[in-house]
Amino acid sequence: MTALTRAVRRLYRVRTPVLAVAVLLVLLPTAARAVLPDGPVHSALAPAPLVGAALLALVLLLGVVGRPAPPEGATTVTTPVRGRWLALNSPATRVPSHGVRAYGQAYAIDLVHEPADGARPAFGAGRAMPAARDYPAFGQPVLAMTDGVVVAASDRQRDHRARASWPSLLYMMAEGAVRELGGPRFVVGNHVVVRSADGTYALLAHLRRGSLRVRPGQQVRAGQELAECGNSGNTSEPHVHAQLMDRASLWTAQGLPLAFRDVLIDGDDRPRDGVPANGEHLVAVGPADPASPEPGPPVPGAPVQGPSALGRPGRDHGGEQL
């Protein structure tokens, strides 16, 4: 790999913050010049939108020439859940699975607990914003996908109500734009990142407030309970967001393909390694939690590390908020 290629790849990693700076350079000086009288400040702001436009062009160029080649093969991991779960936003259907490659989620998957057909509140059939506890996924154990060490853990963000109608989804989209301004920690919500021995980082997101059972620096085993499924961050209903990435920082991580070990996917008559496509169900049939057969209590005030550091520790398992 040439020095130029390495430089372009490094710039590609930081394209998201560069895009944010570019948008601000275009919008804020333009708005300020519209209200400021002619003068030194008005003149000094004149080049800023041009600089922002140049950065926008750079981001577009990086999206074309800077993207790394797709990784060869998928890393096989333990499923982060047990039971029957519905796949949404799956890399088996499209890549990037969530429509963007930002935050290392090119190959991410969302899993929604559906122990039986119709077990979840139907979209548009009831309240616009049902309580998170109305969904069977809420409070389900979330398990480590790999052996490794916890490098980041946060459970301080609240669990909000679900978005189960078109008006509430529009509200979520507007809310999501605000969350983006705060950075990835407000998008993924409560989460745990585990670094495996081969340098792969496994992220599990949208966890329940106050449910952490591990802390940064702790060694964990695949299948060990880490926390509970919640509805924190940018989410329409309680679910588990799982992804692999090549570094801990969500700002610069690249997503890596994954496959779940020993699962039954709709139509299978025996377990196999794979990933369900959108609308397919996964049934995890792997071994039970190797480290804690009986779920232990959450770690009180577990320390927080990395990009998810927020304010006071959350110890409230209770009511979700809007």
C-alpha atoms as a PDB file:
ATOM      1  CA  MET A   1       0.000   0.000   0.000  1.00  0.00           C
ATOM      2  CA  THR A   2       1.455   3.354  -1.034  1.00  0.00           C
ATOM      3  CA  ALA A   3       1.815   6.339   1.302  1.00  0.00           C
ATOM      4  CA  LEU A   4      -0.873   8.183  -0.678  1.00  0.00           C
ATOM      5  CA  THR A   5      -3.304   5.278  -0.330  1.00  0.00           C
ATOM      6  CA  ARG A   6      -2.669   5.085   3.418  1.00  0.00           C
ATOM      7  CA  ALA A   7      -3.272   8.826   3.746  1.00  0.00           C
ATOM      8  CA  VAL A   8      -6.540   8.621   1.814  1.00  0.00           C
ATOM      9  CA  ARG A   9      -7.712   5.676   3.967  1.00  0.00           C
ATOM     10  CA  ARG A  10      -6.937   7.632   7.142  1.00  0.00           C
ATOM     11  CA  LEU A  11      -8.934  10.592   5.858  1.00  0.00           C
ATOM     12  CA  TYR A  12     -11.791   8.251   5.000  1.00  0.00           C
ATOM     13  CA  ARG A  13     -11.973   7.193   8.633  1.00  0.00           C
ATOM     14  CA  VAL A  14     -12.572  10.761   9.796  1.00  0.00           C
ATOM     15  CA  ARG A  15     -15.037  11.682   7.061  1.00  0.00           C
ATOM     16  CA  THR A  16     -17.976  11.931   9.499  1.00  0.00           C
ATOM     17  CA  PRO A  17     -16.489  14.685  11.705  1.00  0.00           C
ATOM     18  CA  VAL A  18     -15.137  16.402   8.578  1.00  0.00           C
ATOM     19  CA  LEU A  19     -18.667  16.386   7.154  1.00  0.00           C
ATOM     20  CA  ALA A  20     -20.025  17.933  10.363  1.00  0.00           C
ATOM     21  CA  VAL A  21     -17.406  20.700  10.243  1.00  0.00           C
ATOM     22  CA  ALA A  22     -18.124  21.308   6.563  1.00  0.00           C
ATOM     23  CA  VAL A  23     -21.863  21.721   7.146  1.00  0.00           C
ATOM     24  CA  LEU A  24     -21.242  24.141  10.019  1.00  0.00           C
ATOM     25  CA  LEU A  25     -18.816  26.171   7.908  1.00  0.00           C
ATOM     26  CA  VAL A  26     -21.435  26.517   5.197  1.00  0.00           C
ATOM     27  CA  LEU A  27     -24.490  27.221   7.342  1.00  0.00           C
ATOM     28  CA  LEU A  28     -23.305  29.321  10.293  1.00  0.00           C
ATOM     29  CA  PRO A  29     -21.242  31.965   8.440  1.00  0.00           C
ATOM     30  CA  THR A  30     -23.930  32.243   5.765  1.00  0.00           C
ATOM     31  CA  ALA A  31     -26.576  32.891   8.406  1.00  0.00           C
ATOM     32  CA  ALA A  32     -24.323  35.326  10.266  1.00  0.00           C
ATOM     33  CA  ARG A  33     -23.533  37.337   7.126  1.00  0.00           C
ATOM     34  CA  ALA A  34     -27.256  37.625   6.424  1.00  0.00           C
ATOM     35  CA  VAL A  35     -27.824  39.560   9.652  1.00  0.00           C
ATOM     36  CA  LEU A  36     -24.494  41.334  10.211  1.00  0.00           C
ATOM     37  CA  PRO A  37     -23.882  44.776   8.751  1.00  0.00           C
ATOM     38  CA  ASP A  38     -21.067  45.317   6.304  1.00  0.00           C
ATOM     39  CA  GLY A  39     -17.759  45.516   8.101  1.00  0.00           C
ATOM     40  CA  PRO A  40     -14.619  43.593   9.029  1.00  0.00           C
ATOM     41  CA  VAL A  41     -16.479  40.643  10.582  1.00  0.00           C
ATOM     42  CA  HIS A  42     -18.827  40.392   7.594  1.00  0.00           C
ATOM     43  CA  SER A  43     -15.838  40.308   5.258  1.00  0.00           C
ATOM     44  CA  ALA A  44     -13.857  37.850   7.392  1.00  0.00           C
ATOM     45  CA  LEU A  45     -16.691  35.325   7.238  1.00  0.00           C
ATOM     46  CA  ALA A  46     -16.883  35.414   3.446  1.00  0.00           C
ATOM     47  CA  PRO A  47     -14.372  32.582   2.759  1.00  0.00           C
ATOM     48  CA  ALA A  48     -15.883  30.189   5.332  1.00  0.00           C
ATOM     49  CA  PRO A  49     -18.723  28.829   3.141  1.00  0.00           C
ATOM     50  CA  LEU A  50     -16.216  28.227   0.346  1.00  0.00           C
ATOM     51  CA  VAL A  51     -13.987  26.274   2.713  1.00  0.00           C
ATOM     52  CA  GLY A  52     -17.020  24.297   3.846  1.00  0.00           C
ATOM     53  CA  ALA A  53     -17.990  23.544   0.253  1.00  0.00           C
ATOM     54  CA  ALA A  54     -14.447  22.343  -0.436  1.00  0.00           C
ATOM     55  CA  LEU A  55     -14.608  20.028   2.580  1.00  0.00           C
ATOM     56  CA  LEU A  56     -17.967  18.686   1.377  1.00  0.00           C
ATOM     57  CA  ALA A  57     -16.389  17.913  -1.988  1.00  0.00           C
ATOM     58  CA  LEU A  58     -13.525  16.177  -0.171  1.00  0.00           C
ATOM     59  CA  VAL A  59     -15.966  14.007   1.793  1.00  0.00           C
ATOM     60  CA  LEU A  60     -17.735  13.000  -1.428  1.00  0.00           C
ATOM     61  CA  LEU A  61     -14.398  12.196  -3.059  1.00  0.00           C
ATOM     62  CA  LEU A  62     -13.304  10.114  -0.066  1.00  0.00           C
ATOM     63  CA  GLY A  63     -16.554   8.151  -0.307  1.00  0.00           C
ATOM     64  CA  VAL A  64     -15.576   7.133  -3.838  1.00  0.00           C
ATOM     65  CA  VAL A  65     -11.816   6.573  -3.660  1.00  0.00           C
ATOM     66  CA  GLY A  66     -11.085   6.112   0.046  1.00  0.00           C
ATOM     67  CA  ARG A  67     -13.336   3.209   0.966  1.00  0.00           C
ATOM     68  CA  PRO A  68     -11.320   0.128   1.945  1.00  0.00           C
ATOM     69  CA  ALA A  69     -11.807  -3.096   0.046  1.00  0.00           C
ATOM     70  CA  PRO A  70     -14.505  -5.320   1.581  1.00  0.00           C
ATOM     71  CA  PRO A  71     -13.018  -7.751   4.133  1.00  0.00           C
ATOM     72  CA  GLU A  72     -12.692 -11.343   2.967  1.00  0.00           C
ATOM     73  CA  GLY A  73     -14.885 -13.713   4.934  1.00  0.00           C
ATOM     74  CA  ALA A  74     -16.885 -13.211   8.106  1.00  0.00           C
ATOM     75  CA  THR A  75     -15.829 -13.630  11.707  1.00  0.00           C
ATOM     76  CA  THR A  76     -17.927 -16.273  13.449  1.00  0.00           C
ATOM     77  CA  VAL A  77     -19.197 -15.161  16.852  1.00  0.00           C
ATOM     78  CA  THR A  78     -21.578 -16.332  19.557  1.00  0.00           C
ATOM     79  CA  THR A  79     -25.090 -14.935  19.266  1.00  0.00           C
ATOM     80  CA  PRO A  80     -25.684 -12.074  21.722  1.00  0.00           C
ATOM     81  CA  VAL A  81     -29.191 -13.385  22.510  1.00  0.00           C
ATOM     82  CA  ARG A  82     -31.027 -16.592  23.290  1.00  0.00           C
ATOM     83  CA  GLY A  83     -34.378 -17.667  21.895  1.00  0.00           C
ATOM     84  CA  ARG A  84     -36.256 -16.542  18.776  1.00  0.00           C
ATOM     85  CA  TRP A  85     -35.340 -13.134  17.336  1.00  0.00           C
ATOM     86  CA  LEU A  86     -36.378 -11.310  14.168  1.00  0.00           C
ATOM     87  CA  ALA A  87     -33.657  -9.774  11.983  1.00  0.00           C
ATOM     88  CA  LEU A  88     -33.934  -6.178  10.774  1.00  0.00           C
ATOM     89  CA  ASN A  89     -31.367  -4.079   8.903  1.00  0.00           C
ATOM     90  CA  SER A  90     -29.363  -7.215   8.154  1.00  0.00           C
ATOM     91  CA  PRO A  91     -26.120  -7.382   6.141  1.00  0.00           C
ATOM     92  CA  ALA A  92     -27.508 -10.579   4.598  1.00  0.00           C
ATOM     93  CA  THR A  93     -29.974  -8.312   2.773  1.00  0.00           C
ATOM     94  CA  ARG A  94     -27.765  -5.353   1.909  1.00  0.00           C
ATOM     95  CA  VAL A  95     -24.456  -3.683   2.753  1.00  0.00           C
ATOM     96  CA  PRO A  96     -24.240  -1.219   4.366  1.00  0.00           C
ATOM     97  CA  SER A  97     -27.020  -2.787   6.384  1.00  0.00           C
ATOM     98  CA  HIS A  98     -28.152   0.459   8.015  1.00  0.00           C
ATOM     99  CA  GLY A  99     -27.763   2.562   4.896  1.00  0.00           C
ATOM    100  CA  VAL A 100     -24.483   4.153   6.018  1.00  0.00           C
ATOM    101  CA  ARG A 101     -20.980   3.038   6.907  1.00  0.00           C
ATOM    102  CA  ALA A 102     -20.554   5.601   9.680  1.00  0.00           C
ATOM    103  CA  TYR A 103     -19.880   4.416  13.225  1.00  0.00           C
ATOM    104  CA  GLY A 104     -18.543   1.070  12.000  1.00  0.00           C
ATOM    105  CA  GLN A 105     -22.009  -0.282  11.218  1.00  0.00           C
ATOM    106  CA  ALA A 106     -21.593  -1.408   7.604  1.00  0.00           C
ATOM    107  CA  TYR A 107     -22.271  -5.048   8.590  1.00  0.00           C
ATOM    108  CA  ALA A 108     -24.341  -4.436  11.735  1.00  0.00           C
ATOM    109  CA  ILE A 109     -27.592  -6.266  12.445  1.00  0.00           C
ATOM    110  CA  ASP A 110     -30.642  -5.450  14.583  1.00  0.00           C
ATOM    111  CA  LEU A 111     -32.342  -8.285  16.472  1.00  0.00           C
ATOM    112  CA  VAL A 112     -35.892  -7.946  17.811  1.00  0.00           C
ATOM    113  CA  HIS A 113     -37.192 -10.546  20.268  1.00  0.00           C
ATOM    114  CA  GLU A 114     -40.280 -12.275  18.887  1.00  0.00           C
ATOM    115  CA  PRO A 115     -40.812 -15.491  20.882  1.00  0.00           C
ATOM    116  CA  ALA A 116     -43.972 -16.138  18.835  1.00  0.00           C
ATOM    117  CA  ASP A 117     -45.614 -14.441  15.860  1.00  0.00           C
ATOM    118  CA  GLY A 118     -47.577 -11.435  17.057  1.00  0.00           C
ATOM    119  CA  ALA A 119     -45.768 -11.236  20.411  1.00  0.00           C
ATOM    120  CA  ARG A 120     -44.673  -7.645  19.755  1.00  0.00           C
ATOM    121  CA  PRO A 121     -47.069  -4.676  19.673  1.00  0.00           C
ATOM    122  CA  ALA A 122     -48.053  -4.186  16.034  1.00  0.00           C
ATOM    123  CA  PHE A 123     -46.888  -1.017  14.327  1.00  0.00           C
ATOM    124  CA  GLY A 124     -49.759   1.438  13.927  1.00  0.00           C
ATOM    125  CA  ALA A 125     -52.261  -0.729  15.799  1.00  0.00           C
ATOM    126  CA  GLY A 126     -52.091   0.825  19.252  1.00  0.00           C
ATOM    127  CA  ARG A 127     -50.529   3.749  21.019  1.00  0.00           C
ATOM    128  CA  ALA A 128     -48.149   5.955  19.084  1.00  0.00           C
ATOM    129  CA  MET A 129     -45.459   5.579  21.739  1.00  0.00           C
ATOM    130  CA  PRO A 130     -45.925   2.356  23.741  1.00  0.00           C
ATOM    131  CA  ALA A 131     -43.928   1.735  26.891  1.00  0.00           C
ATOM    132  CA  ALA A 132     -40.661  -0.093  26.238  1.00  0.00           C
ATOM    133  CA  ARG A 133     -41.646  -2.754  28.747  1.00  0.00           C
ATOM    134  CA  ASP A 134     -44.561  -3.726  26.467  1.00  0.00           C
ATOM    135  CA  TYR A 135     -42.029  -5.358  24.122  1.00  0.00           C
ATOM    136  CA  PRO A 136     -40.711  -8.857  24.891  1.00  0.00           C
ATOM    137  CA  ALA A 137     -37.123  -7.809  24.078  1.00  0.00           C
ATOM    138  CA  PHE A 138     -36.995  -5.323  26.958  1.00  0.00           C
ATOM    139  CA  GLY A 139     -34.962  -6.763  29.818  1.00  0.00           C
ATOM    140  CA  GLN A 140     -33.748  -9.846  27.907  1.00  0.00           C
ATOM    141  CA  PRO A 141     -30.139 -10.865  28.667  1.00  0.00           C
ATOM    142  CA  VAL A 142     -27.507  -9.601  26.218  1.00  0.00           C
ATOM    143  CA  LEU A 143     -24.457 -11.870  25.890  1.00  0.00           C
ATOM    144  CA  ALA A 144     -20.848 -11.381  24.861  1.00  0.00           C
ATOM    145  CA  MET A 145     -20.181 -12.387  21.265  1.00  0.00           C
ATOM    146  CA  THR A 146     -16.476 -13.118  21.815  1.00  0.00           C
ATOM    147  CA  ASP A 147     -13.922 -13.811  24.490  1.00  0.00           C
ATOM    148  CA  GLY A 148     -12.015 -10.653  25.313  1.00  0.00           C
ATOM    149  CA  VAL A 149     -11.688  -7.594  27.492  1.00  0.00           C
ATOM    150  CA  VAL A 150     -14.295  -4.882  27.973  1.00  0.00           C
ATOM    151  CA  VAL A 151     -12.879  -1.601  26.637  1.00  0.00           C
ATOM    152  CA  ALA A 152     -15.978   0.590  26.915  1.00  0.00           C
ATOM    153  CA  ALA A 153     -19.217   0.295  28.852  1.00  0.00           C
ATOM    154  CA  SER A 154     -22.071   2.704  29.538  1.00  0.00           C
ATOM    155  CA  ASP A 155     -25.565   2.332  30.972  1.00  0.00           C
ATOM    156  CA  ARG A 156     -26.426   5.888  31.997  1.00  0.00           C
ATOM    157  CA  GLN A 157     -28.812   6.892  29.235  1.00  0.00           C
ATOM    158  CA  ARG A 158     -32.553   6.560  29.752  1.00  0.00           C
ATOM    159  CA  ASP A 159     -34.813   4.031  28.050  1.00  0.00           C
ATOM    160  CA  HIS A 160     -37.401   5.991  26.078  1.00  0.00           C
ATOM    161  CA  ARG A 161     -40.784   4.904  24.771  1.00  0.00           C
ATOM    162  CA  ALA A 162     -41.087   3.028  21.504  1.00  0.00           C
ATOM    163  CA  ARG A 163     -42.052   4.737  18.233  1.00  0.00           C
ATOM    164  CA  ALA A 164     -44.947   2.678  16.857  1.00  0.00           C
ATOM    165  CA  SER A 165     -46.721   5.008  14.413  1.00  0.00           C
ATOM    166  CA  TRP A 166     -45.775   7.162  11.457  1.00  0.00           C
ATOM    167  CA  PRO A 167     -46.020  10.453  13.412  1.00  0.00           C
ATOM    168  CA  SER A 168     -43.803   9.036  16.171  1.00  0.00           C
ATOM    169  CA  LEU A 169     -41.321   7.776  13.558  1.00  0.00           C
ATOM    170  CA  LEU A 170     -41.116  11.293  12.126  1.00  0.00           C
ATOM    171  CA  TYR A 171     -40.464  12.489  15.657  1.00  0.00           C
ATOM    172  CA  MET A 172     -37.705   9.875  15.954  1.00  0.00           C
ATOM    173  CA  MET A 173     -36.086  11.082  12.725  1.00  0.00           C
ATOM    174  CA  ALA A 174     -35.987  14.645  14.027  1.00  0.00           C
ATOM    175  CA  GLU A 175     -34.720  13.391  17.373  1.00  0.00           C
ATOM    176  CA  GLY A 176     -32.077  11.328  15.585  1.00  0.00           C
ATOM    177  CA  ALA A 177     -30.754  14.418  13.818  1.00  0.00           C
ATOM    178  CA  VAL A 178     -30.272  16.048  17.211  1.00  0.00           C
ATOM    179  CA  ARG A 179     -28.574  12.929  18.555  1.00  0.00           C
ATOM    180  CA  GLU A 180     -26.145  13.013  15.640  1.00  0.00           C
ATOM    181  CA  LEU A 181     -25.002  16.457  16.777  1.00  0.00           C
ATOM    182  CA  GLY A 182     -23.979  14.925  20.094  1.00  0.00           C
ATOM    183  CA  GLY A 183     -21.928  12.192  18.450  1.00  0.00           C
ATOM    184  CA  PRO A 184     -22.186   8.397  18.266  1.00  0.00           C
ATOM    185  CA  ARG A 185     -22.641   7.835  22.010  1.00  0.00           C
ATOM    186  CA  PHE A 186     -26.130   9.358  21.770  1.00  0.00           C
ATOM    187  CA  VAL A 187     -26.927   7.260  18.695  1.00  0.00           C
ATOM    188  CA  VAL A 188     -25.915   3.844  20.060  1.00  0.00           C
ATOM    189  CA  GLY A 189     -27.201   4.614  23.553  1.00  0.00           C
ATOM    190  CA  ASN A 190     -26.046   2.380  26.390  1.00  0.00           C
ATOM    191  CA  HIS A 191     -23.493  -0.084  25.056  1.00  0.00           C
ATOM    192  CA  VAL A 192     -20.565  -2.426  25.662  1.00  0.00           C
ATOM    193  CA  VAL A 193     -17.473  -2.882  23.472  1.00  0.00           C
ATOM    194  CA  VAL A 194     -15.330  -6.017  23.860  1.00  0.00           C
ATOM    195  CA  ARG A 195     -11.880  -6.363  22.276  1.00  0.00           C
ATOM    196  CA  SER A 196     -10.945  -9.912  21.287  1.00  0.00           C
ATOM    197  CA  ALA A 197      -7.411 -11.299  21.084  1.00  0.00           C
ATOM    198  CA  ASP A 198      -7.266 -10.832  17.295  1.00  0.00           C
ATOM    199  CA  GLY A 199      -7.967  -7.095  17.570  1.00  0.00           C
ATOM    200  CA  THR A 200     -11.636  -7.272  16.581  1.00  0.00           C
ATOM    201  CA  TYR A 201     -14.046  -5.085  18.545  1.00  0.00           C
ATOM    202  CA  ALA A 202     -17.597  -6.278  19.231  1.00  0.00           C
ATOM    203  CA  LEU A 203     -20.248  -3.643  19.977  1.00  0.00           C
ATOM    204  CA  LEU A 204     -23.640  -4.355  21.546  1.00  0.00           C
ATOM    205  CA  ALA A 205     -25.911  -1.308  21.715  1.00  0.00           C
ATOM    206  CA  HIS A 206     -29.269   0.065  22.942  1.00  0.00           C
ATOM    207  CA  LEU A 207     -28.872  -1.611  26.340  1.00  0.00           C
ATOM    208  CA  ARG A 208     -31.116  -1.066  29.331  1.00  0.00           C
ATOM    209  CA  ARG A 209     -30.287   1.693  31.729  1.00  0.00           C
ATOM    210  CA  GLY A 210     -28.582   0.446  34.900  1.00  0.00           C
ATOM    211  CA  SER A 211     -28.234  -3.147  33.651  1.00  0.00           C
ATOM    212  CA  LEU A 212     -24.449  -3.461  33.201  1.00  0.00           C
ATOM    213  CA  ARG A 213     -22.892  -6.571  34.706  1.00  0.00           C
ATOM    214  CA  VAL A 214     -19.342  -5.827  33.562  1.00  0.00           C
ATOM    215  CA  ARG A 215     -16.896  -2.934  33.724  1.00  0.00           C
ATOM    216  CA  PRO A 216     -14.021  -1.684  31.519  1.00  0.00           C
ATOM    217  CA  GLY A 217     -10.901  -3.796  31.942  1.00  0.00           C
ATOM    218  CA  GLN A 218     -12.860  -6.932  32.852  1.00  0.00           C
ATOM    219  CA  GLN A 219     -12.181 -10.191  31.008  1.00  0.00           C
ATOM    220  CA  VAL A 220     -15.315 -11.849  29.612  1.00  0.00           C
ATOM    221  CA  ARG A 221     -16.132 -15.113  27.868  1.00  0.00           C
ATOM    222  CA  ALA A 222     -18.321 -15.581  24.821  1.00  0.00           C
ATOM    223  CA  GLY A 223     -21.878 -16.187  25.999  1.00  0.00           C
ATOM    224  CA  GLN A 224     -21.399 -14.363  29.303  1.00  0.00           C
ATOM    225  CA  GLU A 225     -24.223 -11.987  30.249  1.00  0.00           C
ATOM    226  CA  LEU A 226     -23.102  -8.372  29.861  1.00  0.00           C
ATOM    227  CA  ALA A 227     -26.321  -6.395  30.329  1.00  0.00           C
ATOM    228  CA  GLU A 228     -30.010  -6.374  29.353  1.00  0.00           C
ATOM    229  CA  CYS A 229     -31.764  -5.311  26.182  1.00  0.00           C
ATOM    230  CA  GLY A 230     -33.162  -1.807  26.442  1.00  0.00           C
ATOM    231  CA  ASN A 231     -34.413   1.085  24.357  1.00  0.00           C
ATOM    232  CA  SER A 232     -31.711   3.710  24.734  1.00  0.00           C
ATOM    233  CA  GLY A 233     -30.234   5.796  21.935  1.00  0.00           C
ATOM    234  CA  ASN A 234     -31.647   6.155  18.437  1.00  0.00           C
ATOM    235  CA  THR A 235     -34.150   3.295  18.328  1.00  0.00           C
ATOM    236  CA  SER A 236     -37.817   2.757  17.519  1.00  0.00           C
ATOM    237  CA  GLU A 237     -38.310  -0.229  19.834  1.00  0.00           C
ATOM    238  CA  PRO A 238     -36.277  -2.389  22.246  1.00  0.00           C
ATOM    239  CA  HIS A 239     -33.770  -4.474  20.302  1.00  0.00           C
ATOM    240  CA  VAL A 240     -30.128  -5.560  20.256  1.00  0.00           C
ATOM    241  CA  HIS A 241     -27.798  -3.876  17.773  1.00  0.00           C
ATOM    242  CA  ALA A 242     -24.707  -6.023  17.153  1.00  0.00           C
ATOM    243  CA  GLN A 243     -21.651  -5.244  15.056  1.00  0.00           C
ATOM    244  CA  LEU A 244     -17.957  -6.006  14.653  1.00  0.00           C
ATOM    245  CA  MET A 245     -15.406  -3.299  13.882  1.00  0.00           C
ATOM    246  CA  ASP A 246     -11.666  -2.841  13.523  1.00  0.00           C
ATOM    247  CA  ARG A 247     -11.169  -0.350  16.371  1.00  0.00           C
ATOM    248  CA  ALA A 248     -12.912   0.898  19.472  1.00  0.00           C
ATOM    249  CA  SER A 249     -13.638   4.461  18.333  1.00  0.00           C
ATOM    250  CA  LEU A 250     -17.037   4.723  16.659  1.00  0.00           C
ATOM    251  CA  TRP A 251     -15.847   7.906  14.952  1.00  0.00           C
ATOM    252  CA  THR A 252     -13.212   6.092  12.880  1.00  0.00           C
ATOM    253  CA  ALA A 253     -14.108   2.379  12.999  1.00  0.00           C
ATOM    254  CA  GLN A 254     -14.718   0.325   9.879  1.00  0.00           C
ATOM    255  CA  GLY A 255     -17.349  -2.404  10.065  1.00  0.00           C
ATOM    256  CA  LEU A 256     -16.397  -6.072   9.732  1.00  0.00           C
ATOM    257  CA  PRO A 257     -18.636  -8.954   8.536  1.00  0.00           C
ATOM    258  CA  LEU A 258     -19.938 -11.373  11.149  1.00  0.00           C
ATOM    259  CA  ALA A 259     -21.717 -14.721  11.259  1.00  0.00           C
ATOM    260  CA  PHE A 260     -23.512 -16.248  14.233  1.00  0.00           C
ATOM    261  CA  ARG A 261     -22.399 -19.688  15.379  1.00  0.00           C
ATOM    262  CA  ASP A 262     -24.859 -22.596  15.650  1.00  0.00           C
ATOM    263  CA  VAL A 263     -28.159 -20.884  14.875  1.00  0.00           C
ATOM    264  CA  LEU A 264     -31.374 -21.996  13.263  1.00  0.00           C
ATOM    265  CA  ILE A 265     -32.666 -19.609  10.598  1.00  0.00           C
ATOM    266  CA  ASP A 266     -36.163 -19.918   9.110  1.00  0.00           C
ATOM    267  CA  GLY A 267     -36.340 -23.159   7.149  1.00  0.00           C
ATOM    268  CA  ASP A 268     -33.251 -24.774   8.695  1.00  0.00           C
ATOM    269  CA  ASP A 269     -33.500 -28.304  10.074  1.00  0.00           C
ATOM    270  CA  ARG A 270     -30.114 -28.190  11.789  1.00  0.00           C
ATOM    271  CA  PRO A 271     -27.924 -25.450  13.322  1.00  0.00           C
ATOM    272  CA  ARG A 272     -25.415 -23.663  11.135  1.00  0.00           C
ATOM    273  CA  ASP A 273     -23.248 -20.553  11.076  1.00  0.00           C
ATOM    274  CA  GLY A 274     -24.880 -17.594   9.375  1.00  0.00           C
ATOM    275  CA  VAL A 275     -26.857 -14.370   9.546  1.00  0.00           C
ATOM    276  CA  PRO A 276     -30.619 -14.093   8.987  1.00  0.00           C
ATOM    277  CA  ALA A 277     -31.861 -11.751   6.272  1.00  0.00           C
ATOM    278  CA  ASN A 278     -34.443  -9.045   6.923  1.00  0.00           C
ATOM    279  CA  GLY A 279     -37.692 -10.609   8.085  1.00  0.00           C
ATOM    280  CA  GLU A 280     -36.130 -13.960   8.942  1.00  0.00           C
ATOM    281  CA  HIS A 281     -36.041 -15.388  12.450  1.00  0.00           C
ATOM    282  CA  LEU A 282     -32.963 -16.609  14.230  1.00  0.00           C
ATOM    283  CA  VAL A 283     -33.132 -19.187  17.006  1.00  0.00           C
ATOM    284  CA  ALA A 284     -29.986 -19.374  19.097  1.00  0.00           C
ATOM    285  CA  VAL A 285     -29.261 -22.910  20.258  1.00  0.00           C
ATOM    286  CA  GLY A 286     -25.741 -22.417  21.633  1.00  0.00           C
ATOM    287  CA  PRO A 287     -24.573 -23.261  25.165  1.00  0.00           C
ATOM    288  CA  ALA A 288     -25.747 -21.307  28.172  1.00  0.00           C
ATOM    289  CA  ASP A 289     -23.762 -18.472  29.756  1.00  0.00           C
ATOM    290  CA  PRO A 290     -20.401 -20.064  30.693  1.00  0.00           C
ATOM    291  CA  ALA A 291     -19.485 -17.511  33.321  1.00  0.00           C
ATOM    292  CA  SER A 292     -22.681 -16.853  35.243  1.00  0.00           C
ATOM    293  CA  PRO A 293     -25.407 -19.556  35.085  1.00  0.00           C
ATOM    294  CA  GLU A 294     -27.460 -17.496  37.488  1.00  0.00           C
ATOM    295  CA  PRO A 295     -27.688 -13.831  36.403  1.00  0.00           C
ATOM    296  CA  GLY A 296     -25.934 -11.617  38.902  1.00  0.00           C
ATOM    297  CA  PRO A 297     -26.895  -8.109  39.962  1.00  0.00           C
ATOM    298  CA  PRO A 298     -25.870  -5.130  37.858  1.00  0.00           C
ATOM    299  CA  VAL A 299     -22.538  -3.542  38.674  1.00  0.00           C
ATOM    300  CA  PRO A 300     -23.455  -0.441  40.705  1.00  0.00           C
ATOM    301  CA  GLY A 301     -21.959   2.725  39.275  1.00  0.00           C
ATOM    302  CA  ALA A 302     -19.788   0.797  36.824  1.00  0.00           C
ATOM    303  CA  PRO A 303     -17.014   3.060  35.522  1.00  0.00           C
ATOM    304  CA  VAL A 304     -17.329   4.357  31.990  1.00  0.00           C
ATOM    305  CA  GLN A 305     -14.590   4.596  29.408  1.00  0.00           C
ATOM    306  CA  GLY A 306     -14.229   5.846  25.879  1.00  0.00           C
ATOM    307  CA  PRO A 307     -16.724   7.762  23.779  1.00  0.00           C
ATOM    308  CA  SER A 308     -19.715   6.855  25.947  1.00  0.00           C
ATOM    309  CA  ALA A 309     -18.724   8.776  29.055  1.00  0.00           C
ATOM    310  CA  LEU A 310     -21.760  10.711  30.248  1.00  0.00           C
ATOM    311  CA  GLY A 311     -22.937  12.286  33.471  1.00  0.00           C
ATOM    312  CA  ARG A 312     -24.002  10.580  36.680  1.00  0.00           C
ATOM    313  CA  PRO A 313     -24.395   6.784  36.726  1.00  0.00           C
ATOM    314  CA  GLY A 314     -27.851   5.492  35.907  1.00  0.00           C
ATOM    315  CA  ARG A 315     -29.222   3.035  38.449  1.00  0.00           C
ATOM    316  CA  ASP A 316     -32.857   3.229  37.469  1.00  0.00           C
ATOM    317  CA  HIS A 317     -34.297   0.070  35.974  1.00  0.00           C
ATOM    318  CA  GLY A 318     -37.684   1.709  35.923  1.00  0.00           C
ATOM    319  CA  GLY A 319     -39.916   3.742  33.711  1.00  0.00           C
ATOM    320  CA  GLU A 320     -38.896   4.766  30.243  1.00  0.00           C
ATOM    321  CA  GLN A 321     -39.311   8.328  29.057  1.00  0.00           C
ATOM    322  CA  LEU A 322     -40.206  10.075  25.838  1.00  0.00           C
END
